[in-house]
Amino acid sequence: MKQKLMLFSLENVLVVVEANMSDDYDKYDFEMEKHIHSGHSGKQRSKKEASDHTNHYDPSGHSRKIVTKLKNTEQNKKSSPK
């Protein structure tokens, strides 16, 4: 059985892939590995990184929602004919 070797350059890293040596289950294993080892934080982050990049408490309340509502109200008043 003749094996083919293919070379890929990914960010100056040389990766050797042996064609015809894997089966469908190997593909499944590689795809699922990122979900299994993520630690419930997503995007391959550690738990500390996930907690650092979450929504933070805003003491002034829903400031973004209020500002957006006020901007839209001003635009609607300017654009509406009287």
N, C-alpha and C. Protein backbone atom coordinates (compact mmCIF):
# COMPACT_ATOMS: atom_id res chain seq x y z
N MET A 1 0.84 -1.18 0.00
CA MET A 1 0.00 0.00 0.00
C MET A 1 0.89 1.24 0.00
N LYS A 2 0.70 2.09 -0.97
CA LYS A 2 1.50 3.29 -1.10
C LYS A 2 0.87 4.43 -0.31
N GLN A 3 1.67 5.11 0.49
CA GLN A 3 1.17 6.22 1.29
C GLN A 3 1.63 7.53 0.67
N LYS A 4 0.73 8.49 0.68
CA LYS A 4 1.05 9.81 0.15
C LYS A 4 1.29 10.75 1.32
N LEU A 5 2.31 11.57 1.21
CA LEU A 5 2.59 12.58 2.21
C LEU A 5 2.34 13.95 1.60
N MET A 6 1.58 14.77 2.31
CA MET A 6 1.29 16.12 1.83
C MET A 6 1.82 17.10 2.87
N LEU A 7 2.41 18.20 2.42
CA LEU A 7 2.98 19.20 3.31
C LEU A 7 2.17 20.48 3.21
N PHE A 8 1.83 21.05 4.35
CA PHE A 8 1.12 22.32 4.42
C PHE A 8 1.92 23.27 5.29
N SER A 9 1.93 24.53 4.93
CA SER A 9 2.60 25.55 5.73
C SER A 9 1.55 26.41 6.41
N LEU A 10 1.45 26.29 7.73
CA LEU A 10 0.49 27.07 8.51
C LEU A 10 1.28 27.95 9.47
N GLU A 11 1.32 29.26 9.18
CA GLU A 11 2.01 30.23 10.02
C GLU A 11 3.45 29.78 10.30
N ASN A 12 4.16 29.47 9.25
CA ASN A 12 5.56 29.06 9.29
C ASN A 12 5.78 27.77 10.09
N VAL A 13 4.75 26.97 10.24
CA VAL A 13 4.87 25.67 10.89
C VAL A 13 4.58 24.62 9.83
N LEU A 14 5.46 23.67 9.70
CA LEU A 14 5.31 22.63 8.69
C LEU A 14 4.54 21.46 9.29
N VAL A 15 3.43 21.11 8.66
CA VAL A 15 2.59 20.04 9.15
C VAL A 15 2.60 18.92 8.12
N VAL A 16 2.87 17.73 8.56
CA VAL A 16 2.88 16.57 7.67
C VAL A 16 1.60 15.79 7.90
N VAL A 17 0.86 15.58 6.82
CA VAL A 17 -0.39 14.85 6.90
C VAL A 17 -0.23 13.57 6.10
N GLU A 18 -0.50 12.46 6.73
CA GLU A 18 -0.44 11.19 6.04
C GLU A 18 -1.82 10.86 5.52
N ALA A 19 -1.96 10.89 4.20
CA ALA A 19 -3.25 10.60 3.58
C ALA A 19 -3.51 9.10 3.62
N ASN A 20 -4.75 8.74 3.63
CA ASN A 20 -5.21 7.35 3.64
C ASN A 20 -4.82 6.60 4.90
N MET A 21 -4.47 7.29 5.97
CA MET A 21 -4.10 6.61 7.21
C MET A 21 -5.14 6.84 8.31
N SER A 22 -6.12 7.69 8.07
CA SER A 22 -7.12 7.95 9.08
C SER A 22 -8.48 7.50 8.58
N ASP A 23 -9.40 7.34 9.50
CA ASP A 23 -10.75 6.96 9.13
C ASP A 23 -11.73 8.03 9.60
N ASP A 24 -13.01 7.76 9.46
CA ASP A 24 -14.03 8.74 9.81
C ASP A 24 -14.03 9.06 11.31
N TYR A 25 -13.69 8.10 12.13
CA TYR A 25 -13.70 8.32 13.57
C TYR A 25 -12.59 9.29 13.99
N ASP A 26 -11.44 9.26 13.31
CA ASP A 26 -10.37 10.20 13.63
C ASP A 26 -10.81 11.63 13.39
N LYS A 27 -11.53 11.86 12.29
CA LYS A 27 -12.03 13.20 12.00
C LYS A 27 -12.98 13.65 13.11
N TYR A 28 -13.85 12.76 13.55
CA TYR A 28 -14.78 13.08 14.64
C TYR A 28 -14.02 13.41 15.92
N ASP A 29 -12.97 12.63 16.22
CA ASP A 29 -12.19 12.87 17.44
C ASP A 29 -11.54 14.24 17.42
N PHE A 30 -10.97 14.62 16.27
CA PHE A 30 -10.29 15.91 16.18
C PHE A 30 -11.29 17.06 16.28
N GLU A 31 -12.46 16.90 15.69
CA GLU A 31 -13.46 17.97 15.74
C GLU A 31 -14.04 18.13 17.14
N MET A 32 -14.22 17.04 17.86
CA MET A 32 -14.85 17.09 19.18
C MET A 32 -13.85 17.45 20.28
N GLU A 33 -12.56 17.32 20.01
CA GLU A 33 -11.56 17.57 21.05
C GLU A 33 -11.61 19.00 21.57
N LYS A 34 -11.87 19.97 20.68
CA LYS A 34 -11.90 21.36 21.13
C LYS A 34 -13.08 21.61 22.07
N HIS A 35 -14.17 20.85 21.92
CA HIS A 35 -15.32 21.03 22.79
C HIS A 35 -15.12 20.31 24.13
N ILE A 36 -14.42 19.21 24.10
CA ILE A 36 -14.24 18.41 25.31
C ILE A 36 -13.30 19.11 26.29
N HIS A 37 -12.22 19.71 25.78
CA HIS A 37 -11.19 20.28 26.65
C HIS A 37 -11.38 21.78 26.89
N SER A 38 -12.55 22.31 26.57
CA SER A 38 -12.73 23.75 26.70
C SER A 38 -13.01 24.19 28.14
N GLY A 39 -13.40 23.31 29.03
CA GLY A 39 -13.63 23.66 30.42
C GLY A 39 -14.84 24.54 30.62
N HIS A 40 -15.82 24.43 29.76
CA HIS A 40 -17.08 25.17 29.84
C HIS A 40 -16.89 26.68 29.76
N SER A 41 -15.79 27.14 29.22
CA SER A 41 -15.58 28.58 29.10
C SER A 41 -15.66 29.03 27.65
N GLY A 42 -15.58 28.14 26.71
CA GLY A 42 -15.70 28.47 25.31
C GLY A 42 -14.45 29.11 24.74
N LYS A 43 -14.31 29.04 23.46
CA LYS A 43 -13.22 29.68 22.72
C LYS A 43 -11.84 29.30 23.25
N GLN A 44 -11.70 28.13 23.77
CA GLN A 44 -10.42 27.62 24.27
C GLN A 44 -9.82 28.52 25.35
N ARG A 45 -10.63 29.18 26.13
CA ARG A 45 -10.16 30.04 27.21
C ARG A 45 -10.12 29.28 28.52
N SER A 46 -9.27 29.75 29.41
CA SER A 46 -9.28 29.20 30.76
C SER A 46 -10.46 29.80 31.51
N LYS A 47 -10.75 29.27 32.68
CA LYS A 47 -11.87 29.80 33.46
C LYS A 47 -11.61 31.24 33.89
N LYS A 48 -10.35 31.56 34.19
CA LYS A 48 -10.02 32.93 34.60
C LYS A 48 -10.23 33.89 33.43
N GLU A 49 -9.78 33.51 32.24
CA GLU A 49 -9.97 34.37 31.07
C GLU A 49 -11.45 34.57 30.77
N ALA A 50 -12.23 33.51 30.92
CA ALA A 50 -13.67 33.63 30.66
C ALA A 50 -14.33 34.57 31.65
N SER A 51 -13.92 34.50 32.91
CA SER A 51 -14.53 35.40 33.89
C SER A 51 -14.06 36.84 33.69
N ASP A 52 -12.84 37.03 33.18
CA ASP A 52 -12.34 38.38 32.91
C ASP A 52 -13.06 39.04 31.73
N HIS A 53 -13.51 38.23 30.77
CA HIS A 53 -14.13 38.76 29.55
C HIS A 53 -15.64 38.60 29.54
N THR A 54 -16.26 38.65 30.68
CA THR A 54 -17.71 38.53 30.75
C THR A 54 -18.32 39.91 30.99
N ASN A 55 -19.63 39.98 31.01
CA ASN A 55 -20.29 41.26 31.26
C ASN A 55 -20.00 41.71 32.69
N HIS A 56 -19.70 42.98 32.83
CA HIS A 56 -19.39 43.53 34.14
C HIS A 56 -20.57 44.33 34.66
N TYR A 57 -20.64 44.48 35.96
CA TYR A 57 -21.73 45.22 36.59
C TYR A 57 -21.59 46.71 36.26
N ASP A 58 -22.68 47.32 35.84
CA ASP A 58 -22.71 48.74 35.53
C ASP A 58 -23.57 49.43 36.57
N PRO A 59 -22.99 50.23 37.46
CA PRO A 59 -23.78 50.84 38.54
C PRO A 59 -24.82 51.84 38.05
N SER A 60 -24.65 52.36 36.84
CA SER A 60 -25.62 53.33 36.33
C SER A 60 -26.81 52.66 35.66
N GLY A 61 -26.85 51.37 35.64
CA GLY A 61 -27.99 50.66 35.06
C GLY A 61 -27.82 50.40 33.58
N HIS A 62 -28.93 50.43 32.86
CA HIS A 62 -28.92 50.12 31.43
C HIS A 62 -28.56 51.35 30.62
N SER A 63 -27.35 51.84 30.80
CA SER A 63 -26.96 53.11 30.18
C SER A 63 -26.93 53.01 28.65
N ARG A 64 -26.45 51.92 28.11
CA ARG A 64 -26.38 51.79 26.66
C ARG A 64 -27.77 51.78 26.05
N LYS A 65 -28.69 51.07 26.69
CA LYS A 65 -30.06 50.99 26.19
C LYS A 65 -30.73 52.37 26.22
N ILE A 66 -30.50 53.13 27.29
CA ILE A 66 -31.11 54.45 27.43
C ILE A 66 -30.53 55.42 26.40
N VAL A 67 -29.21 55.39 26.22
CA VAL A 67 -28.57 56.28 25.25
C VAL A 67 -29.07 55.99 23.85
N THR A 68 -29.19 54.73 23.49
CA THR A 68 -29.70 54.35 22.17
C THR A 68 -31.13 54.84 21.98
N LYS A 69 -31.94 54.69 22.99
CA LYS A 69 -33.33 55.13 22.91
C LYS A 69 -33.41 56.64 22.71
N LEU A 70 -32.59 57.41 23.44
CA LEU A 70 -32.59 58.87 23.30
C LEU A 70 -32.10 59.31 21.92
N LYS A 71 -31.07 58.65 21.40
CA LYS A 71 -30.57 58.99 20.06
C LYS A 71 -31.64 58.73 19.01
N ASN A 72 -32.31 57.59 19.10
CA ASN A 72 -33.35 57.25 18.13
C ASN A 72 -34.52 58.24 18.22
N THR A 73 -34.87 58.65 19.42
CA THR A 73 -35.96 59.61 19.60
C THR A 73 -35.61 60.94 18.94
N GLU A 74 -34.37 61.41 19.12
CA GLU A 74 -33.94 62.67 18.50
C GLU A 74 -33.96 62.57 16.98
N GLN A 75 -33.47 61.45 16.44
CA GLN A 75 -33.47 61.27 14.99
C GLN A 75 -34.88 61.23 14.44
N ASN A 76 -35.77 60.57 15.14
CA ASN A 76 -37.16 60.49 14.68
C ASN A 76 -37.84 61.85 14.71
N LYS A 77 -37.53 62.66 15.72
CA LYS A 77 -38.11 64.01 15.79
C LYS A 77 -37.60 64.89 14.66
N LYS A 78 -36.32 64.76 14.32
CA LYS A 78 -35.74 65.58 13.24
C LYS A 78 -36.27 65.16 11.87
N SER A 79 -36.44 63.87 11.67
CA SER A 79 -36.83 63.37 10.34
C SER A 79 -38.33 63.38 10.10
N SER A 80 -39.14 63.44 11.14
CA SER A 80 -40.59 63.41 10.94
C SER A 80 -41.10 64.79 10.54
N PRO A 81 -41.91 64.87 9.47
CA PRO A 81 -42.46 66.16 9.04
C PRO A 81 -43.60 66.58 9.97
N LYS A 82 -43.69 67.88 10.21
CA LYS A 82 -44.75 68.39 11.09
C LYS A 82 -45.76 69.17 10.33
